[in-house]
Amino acid sequence: MAAKAAQIAKQLPRKLRAGASCDVQLDFEKHKGHKLNTCSVTFMVDDMELKAEETTQHMYTALDIAAVHVRQQVADYLARREIYGVRQRLKRTLKAEWQ
Protein backbone atom coordinates (compact mmCIF):
# COMPACT_ATOMS: atom_id res chain seq x y z
CA MET A 1 0.00 0.00 0.00
CA ALA A 2 2.98 2.29 0.44
CA ALA A 3 3.30 2.62 -3.34
CA LYS A 4 -0.40 3.38 -3.75
CA ALA A 5 -0.30 5.95 -0.94
CA ALA A 6 2.70 7.59 -2.61
CA GLN A 7 0.77 7.81 -5.90
CA ILE A 8 -2.15 9.45 -4.11
CA ALA A 9 0.16 11.86 -2.28
CA LYS A 10 1.74 12.92 -5.59
CA GLN A 11 -1.55 14.60 -6.48
CA LEU A 12 -1.14 16.96 -3.53
CA PRO A 13 0.95 20.14 -3.54
CA ARG A 14 4.20 19.86 -1.60
CA LYS A 15 3.04 21.93 1.35
CA LEU A 16 0.05 19.60 1.90
CA ARG A 17 2.04 16.45 1.18
CA ALA A 18 4.15 16.82 4.34
CA GLY A 19 1.13 16.59 6.64
CA ALA A 20 -0.70 13.81 4.77
CA SER A 21 -1.06 10.36 6.29
CA CYS A 22 -2.65 7.10 5.20
CA ASP A 23 -4.14 4.30 7.30
CA VAL A 24 -5.14 0.92 5.83
CA GLN A 25 -7.13 -1.75 7.64
CA LEU A 26 -7.61 -5.24 6.22
CA ASP A 27 -10.33 -7.55 7.55
CA PHE A 28 -11.02 -11.20 6.66
CA GLU A 29 -14.26 -13.05 7.26
CA LYS A 30 -16.10 -16.11 6.00
CA HIS A 31 -19.69 -15.71 4.92
CA LYS A 32 -21.70 -18.71 3.65
CA GLY A 33 -18.58 -20.59 2.63
CA HIS A 34 -17.05 -17.63 0.79
CA LYS A 35 -14.05 -15.69 1.98
CA LEU A 36 -14.73 -11.95 2.03
CA ASN A 37 -11.94 -9.40 2.33
CA THR A 38 -12.62 -5.84 3.40
CA CYS A 39 -10.13 -3.04 2.86
CA SER A 40 -10.67 0.30 4.60
CA VAL A 41 -8.47 3.21 3.54
CA THR A 42 -8.37 6.49 5.46
CA PHE A 43 -6.31 9.34 4.01
CA MET A 44 -5.80 12.42 6.20
CA VAL A 45 -5.09 15.74 4.48
CA ASP A 46 -5.18 19.07 6.26
CA ASP A 47 -7.56 17.86 9.02
CA MET A 48 -9.83 16.39 6.33
CA GLU A 49 -10.53 12.66 6.47
CA LEU A 50 -11.05 10.91 3.14
CA LYS A 51 -12.38 7.36 3.54
CA ALA A 52 -13.10 4.44 1.25
CA GLU A 53 -14.13 0.88 2.04
CA GLU A 54 -14.45 -2.06 -0.34
CA THR A 55 -15.37 -5.73 0.16
CA THR A 56 -14.49 -8.38 -2.42
CA GLN A 57 -13.27 -11.96 -2.54
CA HIS A 58 -9.71 -10.88 -3.39
CA MET A 59 -7.81 -8.56 -1.04
CA TYR A 60 -5.66 -6.93 -3.72
CA THR A 61 -8.77 -6.09 -5.75
CA ALA A 62 -10.39 -4.50 -2.71
CA LEU A 63 -7.20 -2.50 -2.08
CA ASP A 64 -7.04 -1.28 -5.69
CA ILE A 65 -10.70 -0.23 -5.77
CA ALA A 66 -10.46 1.58 -2.43
CA ALA A 67 -7.32 3.40 -3.63
CA VAL A 68 -9.15 4.59 -6.75
CA HIS A 69 -12.01 5.93 -4.60
CA VAL A 70 -9.59 7.81 -2.34
CA ARG A 71 -7.73 9.20 -5.37
CA GLN A 72 -11.02 10.57 -6.72
CA GLN A 73 -11.84 12.09 -3.33
CA VAL A 74 -8.42 13.80 -3.28
CA ALA A 75 -9.07 15.24 -6.75
CA ASP A 76 -12.48 16.53 -5.60
CA TYR A 77 -10.90 17.99 -2.44
CA LEU A 78 -8.30 19.86 -4.47
CA ALA A 79 -10.97 21.15 -6.86
CA ARG A 80 -12.95 22.51 -3.90
CA ARG A 81 -9.85 24.13 -2.39
CA GLU A 82 -8.74 25.50 -5.74
CA ILE A 83 -5.06 25.18 -5.01
CA TYR A 84 -3.23 26.67 -7.93
CA GLY A 85 0.34 27.75 -8.37
CA VAL A 86 1.48 31.31 -8.89
CA ARG A 87 1.68 30.88 -12.67
CA GLN A 88 -1.89 29.64 -12.98
CA ARG A 89 -3.26 32.43 -10.77
CA LEU A 90 -1.31 35.05 -12.72
CA LYS A 91 -2.48 33.56 -16.01
CA ARG A 92 -6.11 33.61 -14.85
CA THR A 93 -5.78 37.19 -13.61
CA LEU A 94 -4.21 38.42 -16.86
CA LYS A 95 -6.79 36.57 -18.93
CA ALA A 96 -9.60 38.29 -17.01
CA GLU A 97 -7.99 41.71 -17.53
CA TRP A 98 -7.62 41.21 -21.27
CA GLN A 99 -11.30 40.40 -21.77
PDB file of N, CA and C in Angstrom:
ATOM      1  N   MET A   1       0.819  -1.196   0.000  1.00  0.00           N
ATOM      2  CA  MET A   1       0.000   0.000   0.000  1.00  0.00           C
ATOM      3  C   MET A   1       0.858   1.253   0.000  1.00  0.00           C
ATOM      4  N   ALA A   2       2.111   1.108   0.396  1.00  0.00           N
ATOM      5  CA  ALA A   2       2.981   2.286   0.436  1.00  0.00           C
ATOM      6  C   ALA A   2       3.113   2.920  -0.947  1.00  0.00           C
ATOM      7  N   ALA A   3       3.182   2.087  -1.981  1.00  0.00           N
ATOM      8  CA  ALA A   3       3.300   2.622  -3.337  1.00  0.00           C
ATOM      9  C   ALA A   3       2.016   3.327  -3.762  1.00  0.00           C
ATOM     10  N   LYS A   4       0.881   2.764  -3.403  1.00  0.00           N
ATOM     11  CA  LYS A   4      -0.400   3.384  -3.755  1.00  0.00           C
ATOM     12  C   LYS A   4      -0.601   4.689  -2.992  1.00  0.00           C
ATOM     13  N   ALA A   5      -0.198   4.721  -1.724  1.00  0.00           N
ATOM     14  CA  ALA A   5      -0.299   5.953  -0.937  1.00  0.00           C
ATOM     15  C   ALA A   5       0.616   7.022  -1.515  1.00  0.00           C
ATOM     16  N   ALA A   6       1.781   6.629  -1.999  1.00  0.00           N
ATOM     17  CA  ALA A   6       2.701   7.592  -2.613  1.00  0.00           C
ATOM     18  C   ALA A   6       2.108   8.161  -3.897  1.00  0.00           C
ATOM     19  N   GLN A   7       1.415   7.321  -4.679  1.00  0.00           N
ATOM     20  CA  GLN A   7       0.774   7.811  -5.897  1.00  0.00           C
ATOM     21  C   GLN A   7      -0.339   8.810  -5.578  1.00  0.00           C
ATOM     22  N   ILE A   8      -1.084   8.528  -4.524  1.00  0.00           N
ATOM     23  CA  ILE A   8      -2.154   9.448  -4.114  1.00  0.00           C
ATOM     24  C   ILE A   8      -1.552  10.753  -3.613  1.00  0.00           C
ATOM     25  N   ALA A   9      -0.473  10.658  -2.836  1.00  0.00           N
ATOM     26  CA  ALA A   9       0.156  11.857  -2.276  1.00  0.00           C
ATOM     27  C   ALA A   9       0.778  12.725  -3.365  1.00  0.00           C
ATOM     28  N   LYS A  10       1.153  12.139  -4.495  1.00  0.00           N
ATOM     29  CA  LYS A  10       1.741  12.925  -5.593  1.00  0.00           C
ATOM     30  C   LYS A  10       0.743  13.926  -6.177  1.00  0.00           C
ATOM     31  N   GLN A  11      -0.540  13.667  -5.984  1.00  0.00           N
ATOM     32  CA  GLN A  11      -1.552  14.601  -6.479  1.00  0.00           C
ATOM     33  C   GLN A  11      -1.579  15.887  -5.660  1.00  0.00           C
ATOM     34  N   LEU A  12      -1.078  15.815  -4.440  1.00  0.00           N
ATOM     35  CA  LEU A  12      -1.137  16.958  -3.534  1.00  0.00           C
ATOM     36  C   LEU A  12       0.023  17.909  -3.774  1.00  0.00           C
ATOM     37  N   PRO A  13      -0.165  19.197  -3.520  1.00  0.00           N
ATOM     38  CA  PRO A  13       0.950  20.136  -3.544  1.00  0.00           C
ATOM     39  C   PRO A  13       1.933  19.806  -2.420  1.00  0.00           C
ATOM     40  N   ARG A  14       3.151  20.217  -2.556  1.00  0.00           N
ATOM     41  CA  ARG A  14       4.202  19.857  -1.599  1.00  0.00           C
ATOM     42  C   ARG A  14       3.897  20.299  -0.175  1.00  0.00           C
ATOM     43  N   LYS A  15       3.296  21.459  -0.008  1.00  0.00           N
ATOM     44  CA  LYS A  15       3.045  21.927   1.352  1.00  0.00           C
ATOM     45  C   LYS A  15       1.969  21.099   2.048  1.00  0.00           C
ATOM     46  N   LEU A  16       1.044  20.486   1.299  1.00  0.00           N
ATOM     47  CA  LEU A  16       0.051  19.600   1.901  1.00  0.00           C
ATOM     48  C   LEU A  16       0.567  18.171   2.046  1.00  0.00           C
ATOM     49  N   ARG A  17       1.507  17.802   1.191  1.00  0.00           N
ATOM     50  CA  ARG A  17       2.039  16.446   1.184  1.00  0.00           C
ATOM     51  C   ARG A  17       2.762  16.102   2.484  1.00  0.00           C
ATOM     52  N   ALA A  18       3.383  17.076   3.121  1.00  0.00           N
ATOM     53  CA  ALA A  18       4.146  16.820   4.342  1.00  0.00           C
ATOM     54  C   ALA A  18       3.236  16.396   5.487  1.00  0.00           C
ATOM     55  N   GLY A  19       2.031  16.911   5.549  1.00  0.00           N
ATOM     56  CA  GLY A  19       1.126  16.595   6.643  1.00  0.00           C
ATOM     57  C   GLY A  19       0.140  15.480   6.334  1.00  0.00           C
ATOM     58  N   ALA A  20       0.228  14.865   5.163  1.00  0.00           N
ATOM     59  CA  ALA A  20      -0.705  13.810   4.769  1.00  0.00           C
ATOM     60  C   ALA A  20      -0.314  12.478   5.403  1.00  0.00           C
ATOM     61  N   SER A  21      -1.314  11.697   5.758  1.00  0.00           N
ATOM     62  CA  SER A  21      -1.058  10.357   6.294  1.00  0.00           C
ATOM     63  C   SER A  21      -2.116   9.396   5.768  1.00  0.00           C
ATOM     64  N   CYS A  22      -1.756   8.121   5.736  1.00  0.00           N
ATOM     65  CA  CYS A  22      -2.648   7.100   5.202  1.00  0.00           C
ATOM     66  C   CYS A  22      -2.719   5.934   6.173  1.00  0.00           C
ATOM     67  N   ASP A  23      -3.936   5.438   6.422  1.00  0.00           N
ATOM     68  CA  ASP A  23      -4.144   4.298   7.304  1.00  0.00           C
ATOM     69  C   ASP A  23      -4.957   3.257   6.541  1.00  0.00           C
ATOM     70  N   VAL A  24      -4.473   2.011   6.546  1.00  0.00           N
ATOM     71  CA  VAL A  24      -5.140   0.923   5.835  1.00  0.00           C
ATOM     72  C   VAL A  24      -5.472  -0.180   6.830  1.00  0.00           C
ATOM     73  N   GLN A  25      -6.713  -0.636   6.793  1.00  0.00           N
ATOM     74  CA  GLN A  25      -7.129  -1.750   7.644  1.00  0.00           C
ATOM     75  C   GLN A  25      -7.665  -2.863   6.751  1.00  0.00           C
ATOM     76  N   LEU A  26      -7.181  -4.083   6.984  1.00  0.00           N
ATOM     77  CA  LEU A  26      -7.606  -5.244   6.218  1.00  0.00           C
ATOM     78  C   LEU A  26      -8.338  -6.203   7.150  1.00  0.00           C
ATOM     79  N   ASP A  27      -9.531  -6.627   6.748  1.00  0.00           N
ATOM     80  CA  ASP A  27     -10.327  -7.552   7.549  1.00  0.00           C
ATOM     81  C   ASP A  27     -10.690  -8.765   6.699  1.00  0.00           C
ATOM     82  N   PHE A  28     -10.656  -9.955   7.322  1.00  0.00           N
ATOM     83  CA  PHE A  28     -11.016 -11.195   6.657  1.00  0.00           C
ATOM     84  C   PHE A  28     -12.206 -11.806   7.385  1.00  0.00           C
ATOM     85  N   GLU A  29     -13.158 -12.354   6.634  1.00  0.00           N
ATOM     86  CA  GLU A  29     -14.265 -13.054   7.262  1.00  0.00           C
ATOM     87  C   GLU A  29     -14.823 -14.073   6.280  1.00  0.00           C
ATOM     88  N   LYS A  30     -15.442 -15.095   6.826  1.00  0.00           N
ATOM     89  CA  LYS A  30     -16.101 -16.106   5.997  1.00  0.00           C
ATOM     90  C   LYS A  30     -17.601 -15.896   6.102  1.00  0.00           C
ATOM     91  N   HIS A  31     -18.251 -15.918   4.949  1.00  0.00           N
ATOM     92  CA  HIS A  31     -19.694 -15.712   4.919  1.00  0.00           C
ATOM     93  C   HIS A  31     -20.289 -16.726   3.949  1.00  0.00           C
ATOM     94  N   LYS A  32     -21.048 -17.675   4.463  1.00  0.00           N
ATOM     95  CA  LYS A  32     -21.702 -18.713   3.655  1.00  0.00           C
ATOM     96  C   LYS A  32     -20.707 -19.469   2.775  1.00  0.00           C
ATOM     97  N   GLY A  33     -19.580 -19.808   3.359  1.00  0.00           N
ATOM     98  CA  GLY A  33     -18.579 -20.591   2.633  1.00  0.00           C
ATOM     99  C   GLY A  33     -17.662 -19.774   1.741  1.00  0.00           C
ATOM    100  N   HIS A  34     -17.903 -18.487   1.607  1.00  0.00           N
ATOM    101  CA  HIS A  34     -17.047 -17.634   0.789  1.00  0.00           C
ATOM    102  C   HIS A  34     -16.174 -16.777   1.688  1.00  0.00           C
ATOM    103  N   LYS A  35     -14.961 -16.564   1.240  1.00  0.00           N
ATOM    104  CA  LYS A  35     -14.051 -15.687   1.977  1.00  0.00           C
ATOM    105  C   LYS A  35     -14.262 -14.263   1.473  1.00  0.00           C
ATOM    106  N   LEU A  36     -14.539 -13.350   2.391  1.00  0.00           N
ATOM    107  CA  LEU A  36     -14.725 -11.947   2.032  1.00  0.00           C
ATOM    108  C   LEU A  36     -13.607 -11.124   2.662  1.00  0.00           C
ATOM    109  N   ASN A  37     -13.019 -10.267   1.878  1.00  0.00           N
ATOM    110  CA  ASN A  37     -11.944  -9.403   2.333  1.00  0.00           C
ATOM    111  C   ASN A  37     -12.411  -7.958   2.257  1.00  0.00           C
ATOM    112  N   THR A  38     -12.226  -7.245   3.343  1.00  0.00           N
ATOM    113  CA  THR A  38     -12.621  -5.845   3.402  1.00  0.00           C
ATOM    114  C   THR A  38     -11.370  -4.993   3.593  1.00  0.00           C
ATOM    115  N   CYS A  39     -11.250  -3.979   2.764  1.00  0.00           N
ATOM    116  CA  CYS A  39     -10.130  -3.045   2.862  1.00  0.00           C
ATOM    117  C   CYS A  39     -10.697  -1.654   3.139  1.00  0.00           C
ATOM    118  N   SER A  40     -10.263  -1.054   4.237  1.00  0.00           N
ATOM    119  CA  SER A  40     -10.674   0.302   4.598  1.00  0.00           C
ATOM    120  C   SER A  40      -9.458   1.214   4.513  1.00  0.00           C
ATOM    121  N   VAL A  41      -9.569   2.254   3.720  1.00  0.00           N
ATOM    122  CA  VAL A  41      -8.470   3.205   3.542  1.00  0.00           C
ATOM    123  C   VAL A  41      -8.923   4.558   4.063  1.00  0.00           C
ATOM    124  N   THR A  42      -8.107   5.149   4.935  1.00  0.00           N
ATOM    125  CA  THR A  42      -8.369   6.487   5.456  1.00  0.00           C
ATOM    126  C   THR A  42      -7.160   7.349   5.131  1.00  0.00           C
ATOM    127  N   PHE A  43      -7.385   8.429   4.417  1.00  0.00           N
ATOM    128  CA  PHE A  43      -6.313   9.341   4.005  1.00  0.00           C
ATOM    129  C   PHE A  43      -6.576  10.689   4.666  1.00  0.00           C
ATOM    130  N   MET A  44      -5.655  11.152   5.489  1.00  0.00           N
ATOM    131  CA  MET A  44      -5.801  12.421   6.202  1.00  0.00           C
ATOM    132  C   MET A  44      -5.012  13.513   5.475  1.00  0.00           C
ATOM    133  N   VAL A  45      -5.716  14.585   5.130  1.00  0.00           N
ATOM    134  CA  VAL A  45      -5.090  15.737   4.482  1.00  0.00           C
ATOM    135  C   VAL A  45      -5.635  16.993   5.127  1.00  0.00           C
ATOM    136  N   ASP A  46      -4.775  17.753   5.771  1.00  0.00           N
ATOM    137  CA  ASP A  46      -5.181  19.069   6.260  1.00  0.00           C
ATOM    138  C   ASP A  46      -6.421  18.989   7.154  1.00  0.00           C
ATOM    139  N   ASP A  47      -6.441  18.084   8.111  1.00  0.00           N
ATOM    140  CA  ASP A  47      -7.563  17.863   9.021  1.00  0.00           C
ATOM    141  C   ASP A  47      -8.837  17.426   8.301  1.00  0.00           C
ATOM    142  N   MET A  48      -8.705  16.920   7.090  1.00  0.00           N
ATOM    143  CA  MET A  48      -9.832  16.389   6.331  1.00  0.00           C
ATOM    144  C   MET A  48      -9.615  14.881   6.194  1.00  0.00           C
ATOM    145  N   GLU A  49     -10.631  14.110   6.506  1.00  0.00           N
ATOM    146  CA  GLU A  49     -10.533  12.659   6.471  1.00  0.00           C
ATOM    147  C   GLU A  49     -11.241  12.142   5.227  1.00  0.00           C
ATOM    148  N   LEU A  50     -10.486  11.491   4.345  1.00  0.00           N
ATOM    149  CA  LEU A  50     -11.054  10.906   3.142  1.00  0.00           C
ATOM    150  C   LEU A  50     -11.065   9.401   3.331  1.00  0.00           C
ATOM    151  N   LYS A  51     -12.251   8.780   3.241  1.00  0.00           N
ATOM    152  CA  LYS A  51     -12.381   7.359   3.536  1.00  0.00           C
ATOM    153  C   LYS A  51     -12.964   6.606   2.351  1.00  0.00           C
ATOM    154  N   ALA A  52     -12.528   5.347   2.230  1.00  0.00           N
ATOM    155  CA  ALA A  52     -13.104   4.438   1.250  1.00  0.00           C
ATOM    156  C   ALA A  52     -13.050   3.033   1.831  1.00  0.00           C
ATOM    157  N   GLU A  53     -14.079   2.250   1.553  1.00  0.00           N
ATOM    158  CA  GLU A  53     -14.133   0.875   2.036  1.00  0.00           C
ATOM    159  C   GLU A  53     -14.670   0.001   0.919  1.00  0.00           C
ATOM    160  N   GLU A  54     -14.044  -1.144   0.721  1.00  0.00           N
ATOM    161  CA  GLU A  54     -14.447  -2.056  -0.341  1.00  0.00           C
ATOM    162  C   GLU A  54     -14.369  -3.493   0.161  1.00  0.00           C
ATOM    163  N   THR A  55     -15.338  -4.314  -0.219  1.00  0.00           N
ATOM    164  CA  THR A  55     -15.366  -5.727   0.160  1.00  0.00           C
ATOM    165  C   THR A  55     -15.460  -6.570  -1.105  1.00  0.00           C
ATOM    166  N   THR A  56     -14.494  -7.449  -1.293  1.00  0.00           N
ATOM    167  CA  THR A  56     -14.486  -8.383  -2.424  1.00  0.00           C
ATOM    168  C   THR A  56     -13.920  -9.716  -1.958  1.00  0.00           C
ATOM    169  N   GLN A  57     -13.849 -10.667  -2.874  1.00  0.00           N
ATOM    170  CA  GLN A  57     -13.274 -11.961  -2.543  1.00  0.00           C
ATOM    171  C   GLN A  57     -11.750 -11.919  -2.564  1.00  0.00           C
ATOM    172  N   HIS A  58     -11.170 -10.980  -3.277  1.00  0.00           N
ATOM    173  CA  HIS A  58      -9.713 -10.875  -3.386  1.00  0.00           C
ATOM    174  C   HIS A  58      -9.241  -9.589  -2.706  1.00  0.00           C
ATOM    175  N   MET A  59      -8.269  -9.717  -1.825  1.00  0.00           N
ATOM    176  CA  MET A  59      -7.805  -8.564  -1.037  1.00  0.00           C
ATOM    177  C   MET A  59      -7.160  -7.498  -1.915  1.00  0.00           C
ATOM    178  N   TYR A  60      -6.337  -7.919  -2.882  1.00  0.00           N
ATOM    179  CA  TYR A  60      -5.664  -6.926  -3.720  1.00  0.00           C
ATOM    180  C   TYR A  60      -6.664  -6.142  -4.573  1.00  0.00           C
ATOM    181  N   THR A  61      -7.729  -6.789  -4.990  1.00  0.00           N
ATOM    182  CA  THR A  61      -8.768  -6.087  -5.750  1.00  0.00           C
ATOM    183  C   THR A  61      -9.463  -5.052  -4.872  1.00  0.00           C
ATOM    184  N   ALA A  62      -9.760  -5.446  -3.641  1.00  0.00           N
ATOM    185  CA  ALA A  62     -10.386  -4.505  -2.707  1.00  0.00           C
ATOM    186  C   ALA A  62      -9.471  -3.313  -2.450  1.00  0.00           C
ATOM    187  N   LEU A  63      -8.177  -3.570  -2.310  1.00  0.00           N
ATOM    188  CA  LEU A  63      -7.199  -2.504  -2.085  1.00  0.00           C
ATOM    189  C   LEU A  63      -7.129  -1.557  -3.276  1.00  0.00           C
ATOM    190  N   ASP A  64      -7.105  -2.113  -4.485  1.00  0.00           N
ATOM    191  CA  ASP A  64      -7.045  -1.280  -5.687  1.00  0.00           C
ATOM    192  C   ASP A  64      -8.287  -0.408  -5.843  1.00  0.00           C
ATOM    193  N   ILE A  65      -9.456  -0.982  -5.611  1.00  0.00           N
ATOM    194  CA  ILE A  65     -10.696  -0.231  -5.767  1.00  0.00           C
ATOM    195  C   ILE A  65     -10.793   0.877  -4.717  1.00  0.00           C
ATOM    196  N   ALA A  66     -10.424   0.570  -3.485  1.00  0.00           N
ATOM    197  CA  ALA A  66     -10.455   1.583  -2.427  1.00  0.00           C
ATOM    198  C   ALA A  66      -9.472   2.711  -2.728  1.00  0.00           C
ATOM    199  N   ALA A  67      -8.303   2.364  -3.279  1.00  0.00           N
ATOM    200  CA  ALA A  67      -7.315   3.396  -3.633  1.00  0.00           C
ATOM    201  C   ALA A  67      -7.842   4.314  -4.729  1.00  0.00           C
ATOM    202  N   VAL A  68      -8.563   3.766  -5.685  1.00  0.00           N
ATOM    203  CA  VAL A  68      -9.155   4.586  -6.753  1.00  0.00           C
ATOM    204  C   VAL A  68     -10.191   5.543  -6.171  1.00  0.00           C
ATOM    205  N   HIS A  69     -11.009   5.063  -5.229  1.00  0.00           N
ATOM    206  CA  HIS A  69     -12.011   5.929  -4.604  1.00  0.00           C
ATOM    207  C   HIS A  69     -11.351   7.070  -3.827  1.00  0.00           C
ATOM    208  N   VAL A  70     -10.284   6.766  -3.101  1.00  0.00           N
ATOM    209  CA  VAL A  70      -9.588   7.811  -2.341  1.00  0.00           C
ATOM    210  C   VAL A  70      -8.930   8.799  -3.293  1.00  0.00           C
ATOM    211  N   ARG A  71      -8.359   8.302  -4.391  1.00  0.00           N
ATOM    212  CA  ARG A  71      -7.725   9.199  -5.373  1.00  0.00           C
ATOM    213  C   ARG A  71      -8.747  10.171  -5.948  1.00  0.00           C
ATOM    214  N   GLN A  72      -9.964   9.689  -6.215  1.00  0.00           N
ATOM    215  CA  GLN A  72     -11.019  10.568  -6.721  1.00  0.00           C
ATOM    216  C   GLN A  72     -11.434  11.585  -5.665  1.00  0.00           C
ATOM    217  N   GLN A  73     -11.488  11.167  -4.412  1.00  0.00           N
ATOM    218  CA  GLN A  73     -11.836  12.092  -3.334  1.00  0.00           C
ATOM    219  C   GLN A  73     -10.776  13.172  -3.167  1.00  0.00           C
ATOM    220  N   VAL A  74      -9.498  12.811  -3.348  1.00  0.00           N
ATOM    221  CA  VAL A  74      -8.421  13.802  -3.276  1.00  0.00           C
ATOM    222  C   VAL A  74      -8.560  14.808  -4.414  1.00  0.00           C
ATOM    223  N   ALA A  75      -8.881  14.329  -5.616  1.00  0.00           N
ATOM    224  CA  ALA A  75      -9.075  15.238  -6.752  1.00  0.00           C
ATOM    225  C   ALA A  75     -10.244  16.185  -6.493  1.00  0.00           C
ATOM    226  N   ASP A  76     -11.336  15.674  -5.927  1.00  0.00           N
ATOM    227  CA  ASP A  76     -12.479  16.531  -5.599  1.00  0.00           C
ATOM    228  C   ASP A  76     -12.115  17.544  -4.516  1.00  0.00           C
ATOM    229  N   TYR A  77     -11.342  17.102  -3.532  1.00  0.00           N
ATOM    230  CA  TYR A  77     -10.902  17.988  -2.445  1.00  0.00           C
ATOM    231  C   TYR A  77     -10.059  19.136  -2.991  1.00  0.00           C
ATOM    232  N   LEU A  78      -9.145  18.818  -3.895  1.00  0.00           N
ATOM    233  CA  LEU A  78      -8.297  19.863  -4.472  1.00  0.00           C
ATOM    234  C   LEU A  78      -9.111  20.808  -5.349  1.00  0.00           C
ATOM    235  N   ALA A  79     -10.115  20.283  -6.030  1.00  0.00           N
ATOM    236  CA  ALA A  79     -10.967  21.146  -6.857  1.00  0.00           C
ATOM    237  C   ALA A  79     -11.762  22.109  -5.972  1.00  0.00           C
ATOM    238  N   ARG A  80     -12.222  21.626  -4.809  1.00  0.00           N
ATOM    239  CA  ARG A  80     -12.946  22.512  -3.897  1.00  0.00           C
ATOM    240  C   ARG A  80     -12.032  23.568  -3.306  1.00  0.00           C
ATOM    241  N   ARG A  81     -10.803  23.178  -2.993  1.00  0.00           N
ATOM    242  CA  ARG A  81      -9.855  24.127  -2.394  1.00  0.00           C
ATOM    243  C   ARG A  81      -9.285  25.100  -3.400  1.00  0.00           C
ATOM    244  N   GLU A  82      -9.308  24.710  -4.651  1.00  0.00           N
ATOM    245  CA  GLU A  82      -8.735  25.498  -5.744  1.00  0.00           C
ATOM    246  C   GLU A  82      -7.304  25.914  -5.433  1.00  0.00           C
ATOM    247  N   ILE A  83      -6.479  24.919  -5.253  1.00  0.00           N
ATOM    248  CA  ILE A  83      -5.063  25.181  -5.014  1.00  0.00           C
ATOM    249  C   ILE A  83      -4.384  25.289  -6.378  1.00  0.00           C
ATOM    250  N   TYR A  84      -3.914  26.451  -6.680  1.00  0.00           N
ATOM    251  CA  TYR A  84      -3.225  26.673  -7.927  1.00  0.00           C
ATOM    252  C   TYR A  84      -1.895  27.347  -7.630  1.00  0.00           C
ATOM    253  N   GLY A  85      -0.959  27.118  -8.497  1.00  0.00           N
ATOM    254  CA  GLY A  85       0.338  27.750  -8.368  1.00  0.00           C
ATOM    255  C   GLY A  85       0.287  29.212  -8.771  1.00  0.00           C
ATOM    256  N   VAL A  86       1.386  29.879  -8.575  1.00  0.00           N
ATOM    257  CA  VAL A  86       1.476  31.307  -8.890  1.00  0.00           C
ATOM    258  C   VAL A  86       1.258  31.543 -10.372  1.00  0.00           C
ATOM    259  N   ARG A  87       1.813  30.691 -11.215  1.00  0.00           N
ATOM    260  CA  ARG A  87       1.677  30.879 -12.666  1.00  0.00           C
ATOM    261  C   ARG A  87       0.218  30.784 -13.110  1.00  0.00           C
ATOM    262  N   GLN A  88      -0.501  29.791 -12.585  1.00  0.00           N
ATOM    263  CA  GLN A  88      -1.894  29.642 -12.982  1.00  0.00           C
ATOM    264  C   GLN A  88      -2.745  30.808 -12.493  1.00  0.00           C
ATOM    265  N   ARG A  89      -2.490  31.284 -11.275  1.00  0.00           N
ATOM    266  CA  ARG A  89      -3.256  32.429 -10.768  1.00  0.00           C
ATOM    267  C   ARG A  89      -2.957  33.681 -11.584  1.00  0.00           C
ATOM    268  N   LEU A  90      -1.689  33.899 -11.916  1.00  0.00           N
ATOM    269  CA  LEU A  90      -1.310  35.050 -12.722  1.00  0.00           C
ATOM    270  C   LEU A  90      -1.932  34.955 -14.110  1.00  0.00           C
ATOM    271  N   LYS A  91      -1.903  33.773 -14.688  1.00  0.00           N
ATOM    272  CA  LYS A  91      -2.483  33.562 -16.008  1.00  0.00           C
ATOM    273  C   LYS A  91      -3.980  33.850 -15.999  1.00  0.00           C
ATOM    274  N   ARG A  92      -4.677  33.378 -14.968  1.00  0.00           N
ATOM    275  CA  ARG A  92      -6.106  33.610 -14.851  1.00  0.00           C
ATOM    276  C   ARG A  92      -6.400  35.091 -14.659  1.00  0.00           C
ATOM    277  N   THR A  93      -5.588  35.771 -13.852  1.00  0.00           N
ATOM    278  CA  THR A  93      -5.785  37.194 -13.606  1.00  0.00           C
ATOM    279  C   THR A  93      -5.569  37.997 -14.889  1.00  0.00           C
ATOM    280  N   LEU A  94      -4.495  37.702 -15.619  1.00  0.00           N
ATOM    281  CA  LEU A  94      -4.213  38.416 -16.857  1.00  0.00           C
ATOM    282  C   LEU A  94      -5.272  38.134 -17.909  1.00  0.00           C
ATOM    283  N   LYS A  95      -5.754  36.906 -17.966  1.00  0.00           N
ATOM    284  CA  LYS A  95      -6.785  36.568 -18.930  1.00  0.00           C
ATOM    285  C   LYS A  95      -8.064  37.358 -18.648  1.00  0.00           C
ATOM    286  N   ALA A  96      -8.391  37.532 -17.373  1.00  0.00           N
ATOM    287  CA  ALA A  96      -9.597  38.287 -17.012  1.00  0.00           C
ATOM    288  C   ALA A  96      -9.430  39.760 -17.350  1.00  0.00           C
ATOM    289  N   GLU A  97      -8.223  40.307 -17.232  1.00  0.00           N
ATOM    290  CA  GLU A  97      -7.988  41.707 -17.532  1.00  0.00           C
ATOM    291  C   GLU A  97      -8.042  41.978 -19.023  1.00  0.00           C
ATOM    292  N   TRP A  98      -7.651  40.997 -19.838  1.00  0.00           N
ATOM    293  CA  TRP A  98      -7.620  41.210 -21.273  1.00  0.00           C
ATOM    294  C   TRP A  98      -9.014  41.120 -21.901  1.00  0.00           C
ATOM    295  N   GLN A  99      -9.962  40.554 -21.195  1.00  0.00           N
ATOM    296  CA  GLN A  99     -11.304  40.399 -21.770  1.00  0.00           C
ATOM    297  C   GLN A  99     -12.193  41.551 -21.442  1.00  0.00           C
TER     298      GLN A  99
END
